[in-house]
Amino acid sequence: MHRYLKVISATCLIVSTGAHAKNLDKFDVAKCNWGGGMAELTQGDFLAGKPLAQLLKELRQVKYPKPWMPGAAAEIAQITYEGNSREAPATMKAIYIDGCIQHELSK
């Protein structure tokens, strides 16, 4: 199984964020979790020296179950690479999820 498919299948996961979760619907929480997983994977690729063009090509080959996912995956990859951060992939995942949840709560 392609490693990006593992993240895609994580759309059903719910982030246990205590008070935050009760203010968001399951879709928003799952979307943030999925995006966090993508940020984690792309950060790992960035730190390993994989060129962005190669990563974007791989992401285009993935079959996504939701129509919004291909664009979101490419955008997350682009932003991750442009950030030029040396943070650990798990840290990037946590940062993304927290920022996404805060964004959804502010709507």
N, C-alpha and C. Protein backbone atom coordinates (compact mmCIF):
# COMPACT_ATOMS: atom_id res chain seq x y z
N MET A 1 0.85 -1.18 0.00
CA MET A 1 0.00 0.00 0.00
C MET A 1 0.89 1.23 0.00
N HIS A 2 0.58 2.15 -0.88
CA HIS A 2 1.33 3.39 -0.96
C HIS A 2 1.20 4.13 0.37
N ARG A 3 2.28 4.69 0.86
CA ARG A 3 2.25 5.31 2.19
C ARG A 3 1.31 6.49 2.27
N TYR A 4 1.02 7.16 1.16
CA TYR A 4 0.07 8.27 1.19
C TYR A 4 -1.36 7.75 1.33
N LEU A 5 -1.62 6.55 0.87
CA LEU A 5 -2.95 5.97 1.04
C LEU A 5 -3.26 5.72 2.50
N LYS A 6 -2.23 5.43 3.29
CA LYS A 6 -2.45 5.24 4.73
C LYS A 6 -2.97 6.53 5.36
N VAL A 7 -2.44 7.65 4.92
CA VAL A 7 -2.91 8.94 5.45
C VAL A 7 -4.33 9.21 4.96
N ILE A 8 -4.58 8.91 3.72
CA ILE A 8 -5.91 9.13 3.17
C ILE A 8 -6.95 8.33 3.94
N SER A 9 -6.62 7.10 4.28
CA SER A 9 -7.57 6.29 5.02
C SER A 9 -7.77 6.79 6.44
N ALA A 10 -6.92 7.69 6.89
CA ALA A 10 -7.04 8.23 8.24
C ALA A 10 -8.11 9.30 8.36
N THR A 11 -8.85 9.55 7.29
CA THR A 11 -9.89 10.58 7.36
C THR A 11 -10.97 10.21 8.35
N CYS A 12 -11.04 8.97 8.74
CA CYS A 12 -12.06 8.55 9.70
C CYS A 12 -11.61 8.75 11.14
N LEU A 13 -10.35 9.04 11.35
CA LEU A 13 -9.84 9.21 12.70
C LEU A 13 -10.32 10.52 13.31
N ILE A 14 -10.52 10.50 14.59
CA ILE A 14 -10.93 11.69 15.32
C ILE A 14 -9.80 12.08 16.27
N VAL A 15 -9.44 13.33 16.24
CA VAL A 15 -8.42 13.85 17.15
C VAL A 15 -9.11 14.14 18.47
N SER A 16 -8.58 13.59 19.54
CA SER A 16 -9.20 13.87 20.83
C SER A 16 -8.61 15.16 21.38
N THR A 17 -9.38 16.22 21.22
CA THR A 17 -8.89 17.53 21.62
C THR A 17 -9.73 18.13 22.72
N GLY A 18 -10.39 17.31 23.47
CA GLY A 18 -11.18 17.79 24.59
C GLY A 18 -12.24 18.76 24.18
N ALA A 19 -12.17 19.97 24.68
CA ALA A 19 -13.20 20.98 24.43
C ALA A 19 -13.30 21.35 22.96
N HIS A 20 -12.18 21.26 22.22
CA HIS A 20 -12.22 21.63 20.82
C HIS A 20 -13.16 20.73 20.02
N ALA A 21 -13.12 19.43 20.28
CA ALA A 21 -13.88 18.49 19.48
C ALA A 21 -15.38 18.75 19.56
N LYS A 22 -15.87 19.20 20.69
CA LYS A 22 -17.31 19.41 20.79
C LYS A 22 -17.78 20.61 19.98
N ASN A 23 -16.88 21.48 19.56
CA ASN A 23 -17.25 22.64 18.77
C ASN A 23 -17.09 22.40 17.27
N LEU A 24 -16.51 21.30 16.88
CA LEU A 24 -16.28 20.97 15.48
C LEU A 24 -17.05 19.72 15.11
N ASP A 25 -17.46 19.66 13.84
CA ASP A 25 -18.10 18.41 13.43
C ASP A 25 -17.03 17.39 13.08
N LYS A 26 -17.43 16.15 12.93
CA LYS A 26 -16.48 15.06 12.70
C LYS A 26 -15.70 15.26 11.40
N PHE A 27 -16.35 15.82 10.39
CA PHE A 27 -15.66 16.05 9.12
C PHE A 27 -14.50 17.02 9.30
N ASP A 28 -14.72 18.12 10.02
CA ASP A 28 -13.65 19.10 10.21
C ASP A 28 -12.48 18.50 10.98
N VAL A 29 -12.77 17.75 12.00
CA VAL A 29 -11.70 17.13 12.80
C VAL A 29 -10.95 16.10 11.95
N ALA A 30 -11.68 15.29 11.19
CA ALA A 30 -11.04 14.29 10.34
C ALA A 30 -10.19 14.95 9.26
N LYS A 31 -10.69 16.06 8.70
CA LYS A 31 -9.95 16.79 7.67
C LYS A 31 -8.65 17.33 8.25
N CYS A 32 -8.71 17.89 9.45
CA CYS A 32 -7.49 18.40 10.09
C CYS A 32 -6.50 17.28 10.38
N ASN A 33 -7.01 16.15 10.82
CA ASN A 33 -6.14 15.01 11.10
C ASN A 33 -5.48 14.49 9.82
N TRP A 34 -6.27 14.40 8.75
CA TRP A 34 -5.73 13.95 7.48
C TRP A 34 -4.64 14.92 7.00
N GLY A 35 -4.91 16.20 7.08
CA GLY A 35 -3.93 17.20 6.67
C GLY A 35 -2.66 17.12 7.51
N GLY A 36 -2.83 16.86 8.80
CA GLY A 36 -1.66 16.70 9.67
C GLY A 36 -0.81 15.52 9.25
N GLY A 37 -1.48 14.44 8.88
CA GLY A 37 -0.73 13.28 8.38
C GLY A 37 0.02 13.58 7.10
N MET A 38 -0.61 14.35 6.22
CA MET A 38 0.06 14.75 4.99
C MET A 38 1.26 15.65 5.30
N ALA A 39 1.09 16.57 6.24
CA ALA A 39 2.20 17.45 6.62
C ALA A 39 3.35 16.63 7.20
N GLU A 40 3.02 15.63 7.99
CA GLU A 40 4.05 14.77 8.57
C GLU A 40 4.82 14.02 7.47
N LEU A 41 4.10 13.44 6.52
CA LEU A 41 4.76 12.70 5.45
C LEU A 41 5.60 13.62 4.56
N THR A 42 5.05 14.77 4.22
CA THR A 42 5.82 15.66 3.34
C THR A 42 7.03 16.24 4.05
N GLN A 43 6.93 16.46 5.35
CA GLN A 43 8.11 16.93 6.10
C GLN A 43 9.18 15.86 6.11
N GLY A 44 8.77 14.61 6.25
CA GLY A 44 9.75 13.52 6.19
C GLY A 44 10.44 13.47 4.84
N ASP A 45 9.68 13.66 3.77
CA ASP A 45 10.27 13.68 2.44
C ASP A 45 11.20 14.88 2.26
N PHE A 46 10.78 16.03 2.79
CA PHE A 46 11.61 17.23 2.70
C PHE A 46 12.95 17.00 3.42
N LEU A 47 12.88 16.47 4.64
CA LEU A 47 14.11 16.25 5.40
C LEU A 47 15.01 15.20 4.76
N ALA A 48 14.39 14.26 4.04
CA ALA A 48 15.16 13.22 3.36
C ALA A 48 15.76 13.72 2.04
N GLY A 49 15.40 14.95 1.64
CA GLY A 49 15.98 15.51 0.43
C GLY A 49 15.22 15.20 -0.85
N LYS A 50 14.01 14.68 -0.74
CA LYS A 50 13.23 14.40 -1.94
C LYS A 50 12.82 15.72 -2.60
N PRO A 51 13.03 15.85 -3.89
CA PRO A 51 12.63 17.08 -4.58
C PRO A 51 11.11 17.26 -4.56
N LEU A 52 10.67 18.49 -4.44
CA LEU A 52 9.24 18.79 -4.41
C LEU A 52 8.56 18.30 -5.68
N ALA A 53 9.17 18.48 -6.82
CA ALA A 53 8.58 18.04 -8.09
C ALA A 53 8.29 16.54 -8.07
N GLN A 54 9.21 15.76 -7.52
CA GLN A 54 9.01 14.31 -7.44
C GLN A 54 7.86 13.98 -6.50
N LEU A 55 7.80 14.65 -5.37
CA LEU A 55 6.71 14.42 -4.42
C LEU A 55 5.37 14.77 -5.04
N LEU A 56 5.28 15.91 -5.71
CA LEU A 56 4.03 16.31 -6.35
C LEU A 56 3.60 15.30 -7.41
N LYS A 57 4.56 14.76 -8.14
CA LYS A 57 4.25 13.74 -9.14
C LYS A 57 3.67 12.49 -8.46
N GLU A 58 4.26 12.08 -7.36
CA GLU A 58 3.75 10.92 -6.62
C GLU A 58 2.33 11.19 -6.09
N LEU A 59 2.11 12.39 -5.59
CA LEU A 59 0.80 12.72 -5.05
C LEU A 59 -0.27 12.73 -6.13
N ARG A 60 0.09 13.09 -7.36
CA ARG A 60 -0.87 13.09 -8.48
C ARG A 60 -1.26 11.67 -8.87
N GLN A 61 -0.43 10.69 -8.55
CA GLN A 61 -0.70 9.30 -8.93
C GLN A 61 -1.59 8.58 -7.93
N VAL A 62 -1.82 9.19 -6.78
CA VAL A 62 -2.64 8.57 -5.75
C VAL A 62 -4.11 8.70 -6.11
N LYS A 63 -4.87 7.66 -5.86
CA LYS A 63 -6.33 7.71 -6.04
C LYS A 63 -6.94 8.17 -4.72
N TYR A 64 -7.53 9.35 -4.73
CA TYR A 64 -8.10 9.95 -3.52
C TYR A 64 -9.60 9.67 -3.45
N PRO A 65 -10.11 9.36 -2.27
CA PRO A 65 -11.54 9.07 -2.15
C PRO A 65 -12.43 10.32 -2.13
N LYS A 66 -11.86 11.46 -1.86
CA LYS A 66 -12.64 12.71 -1.80
C LYS A 66 -12.09 13.69 -2.83
N PRO A 67 -12.96 14.44 -3.50
CA PRO A 67 -12.49 15.34 -4.56
C PRO A 67 -11.61 16.50 -4.07
N TRP A 68 -11.70 16.87 -2.82
CA TRP A 68 -10.89 17.98 -2.31
C TRP A 68 -9.47 17.56 -1.93
N MET A 69 -9.23 16.27 -1.83
CA MET A 69 -7.95 15.78 -1.33
C MET A 69 -6.74 16.03 -2.24
N PRO A 70 -6.84 15.85 -3.57
CA PRO A 70 -5.63 16.07 -4.38
C PRO A 70 -5.09 17.49 -4.26
N GLY A 71 -5.96 18.47 -4.35
CA GLY A 71 -5.51 19.86 -4.23
C GLY A 71 -4.96 20.17 -2.86
N ALA A 72 -5.62 19.65 -1.83
CA ALA A 72 -5.15 19.87 -0.46
C ALA A 72 -3.78 19.23 -0.24
N ALA A 73 -3.60 18.02 -0.75
CA ALA A 73 -2.31 17.33 -0.60
C ALA A 73 -1.19 18.12 -1.27
N ALA A 74 -1.44 18.60 -2.48
CA ALA A 74 -0.42 19.38 -3.19
C ALA A 74 -0.13 20.69 -2.47
N GLU A 75 -1.17 21.34 -1.95
CA GLU A 75 -0.97 22.60 -1.24
C GLU A 75 -0.18 22.39 0.05
N ILE A 76 -0.51 21.34 0.78
CA ILE A 76 0.22 21.04 2.01
C ILE A 76 1.69 20.76 1.70
N ALA A 77 1.94 20.00 0.64
CA ALA A 77 3.32 19.71 0.25
C ALA A 77 4.07 20.98 -0.11
N GLN A 78 3.43 21.84 -0.90
CA GLN A 78 4.06 23.09 -1.32
C GLN A 78 4.40 23.96 -0.11
N ILE A 79 3.45 24.12 0.80
CA ILE A 79 3.66 24.96 1.98
C ILE A 79 4.75 24.36 2.88
N THR A 80 4.73 23.04 3.02
CA THR A 80 5.74 22.38 3.86
C THR A 80 7.14 22.63 3.31
N TYR A 81 7.30 22.46 2.02
CA TYR A 81 8.62 22.66 1.41
C TYR A 81 9.04 24.13 1.47
N GLU A 82 8.11 25.04 1.21
CA GLU A 82 8.45 26.46 1.24
C GLU A 82 8.82 26.93 2.65
N GLY A 83 8.25 26.26 3.67
CA GLY A 83 8.55 26.63 5.04
C GLY A 83 10.00 26.37 5.43
N ASN A 84 10.64 25.42 4.74
CA ASN A 84 12.06 25.14 4.95
C ASN A 84 12.38 24.83 6.41
N SER A 85 11.42 24.26 7.14
CA SER A 85 11.61 23.96 8.56
C SER A 85 12.41 22.68 8.74
N ARG A 86 13.16 22.63 9.82
CA ARG A 86 13.92 21.42 10.17
C ARG A 86 13.24 20.66 11.31
N GLU A 87 11.98 21.01 11.62
CA GLU A 87 11.24 20.33 12.68
C GLU A 87 11.04 18.86 12.32
N ALA A 88 10.87 18.04 13.34
CA ALA A 88 10.59 16.62 13.14
C ALA A 88 9.21 16.46 12.49
N PRO A 89 9.02 15.43 11.66
CA PRO A 89 7.73 15.22 11.02
C PRO A 89 6.55 15.17 12.01
N ALA A 90 6.73 14.50 13.13
CA ALA A 90 5.63 14.42 14.12
C ALA A 90 5.29 15.80 14.67
N THR A 91 6.29 16.65 14.82
CA THR A 91 6.05 18.01 15.29
C THR A 91 5.26 18.79 14.25
N MET A 92 5.60 18.62 12.98
CA MET A 92 4.86 19.30 11.91
C MET A 92 3.41 18.84 11.88
N LYS A 93 3.18 17.56 12.12
CA LYS A 93 1.81 17.05 12.16
C LYS A 93 1.03 17.75 13.26
N ALA A 94 1.60 17.82 14.44
CA ALA A 94 0.93 18.44 15.58
C ALA A 94 0.67 19.93 15.32
N ILE A 95 1.64 20.61 14.73
CA ILE A 95 1.48 22.03 14.42
C ILE A 95 0.35 22.22 13.41
N TYR A 96 0.31 21.38 12.40
CA TYR A 96 -0.73 21.50 11.38
C TYR A 96 -2.11 21.26 11.98
N ILE A 97 -2.25 20.18 12.75
CA ILE A 97 -3.55 19.86 13.33
C ILE A 97 -4.02 20.98 14.24
N ASP A 98 -3.14 21.48 15.08
CA ASP A 98 -3.52 22.56 15.99
C ASP A 98 -3.95 23.81 15.21
N GLY A 99 -3.17 24.18 14.21
CA GLY A 99 -3.52 25.35 13.40
C GLY A 99 -4.82 25.16 12.65
N CYS A 100 -5.04 23.98 12.13
CA CYS A 100 -6.26 23.69 11.39
C CYS A 100 -7.48 23.76 12.31
N ILE A 101 -7.36 23.17 13.48
CA ILE A 101 -8.48 23.20 14.44
C ILE A 101 -8.77 24.64 14.86
N GLN A 102 -7.73 25.40 15.13
CA GLN A 102 -7.93 26.81 15.50
C GLN A 102 -8.61 27.57 14.36
N HIS A 103 -8.21 27.28 13.13
CA HIS A 103 -8.82 27.93 11.97
C HIS A 103 -10.31 27.56 11.88
N GLU A 104 -10.62 26.30 12.04
CA GLU A 104 -12.01 25.86 11.95
C GLU A 104 -12.85 26.46 13.08
N LEU A 105 -12.28 26.57 14.26
CA LEU A 105 -13.01 27.16 15.39
C LEU A 105 -13.27 28.65 15.20
N SER A 106 -12.39 29.31 14.43
CA SER A 106 -12.53 30.76 14.26
C SER A 106 -13.54 31.12 13.17
N LYS A 107 -14.03 30.14 12.43
CA LYS A 107 -14.98 30.42 11.35
C LYS A 107 -16.31 30.89 11.92
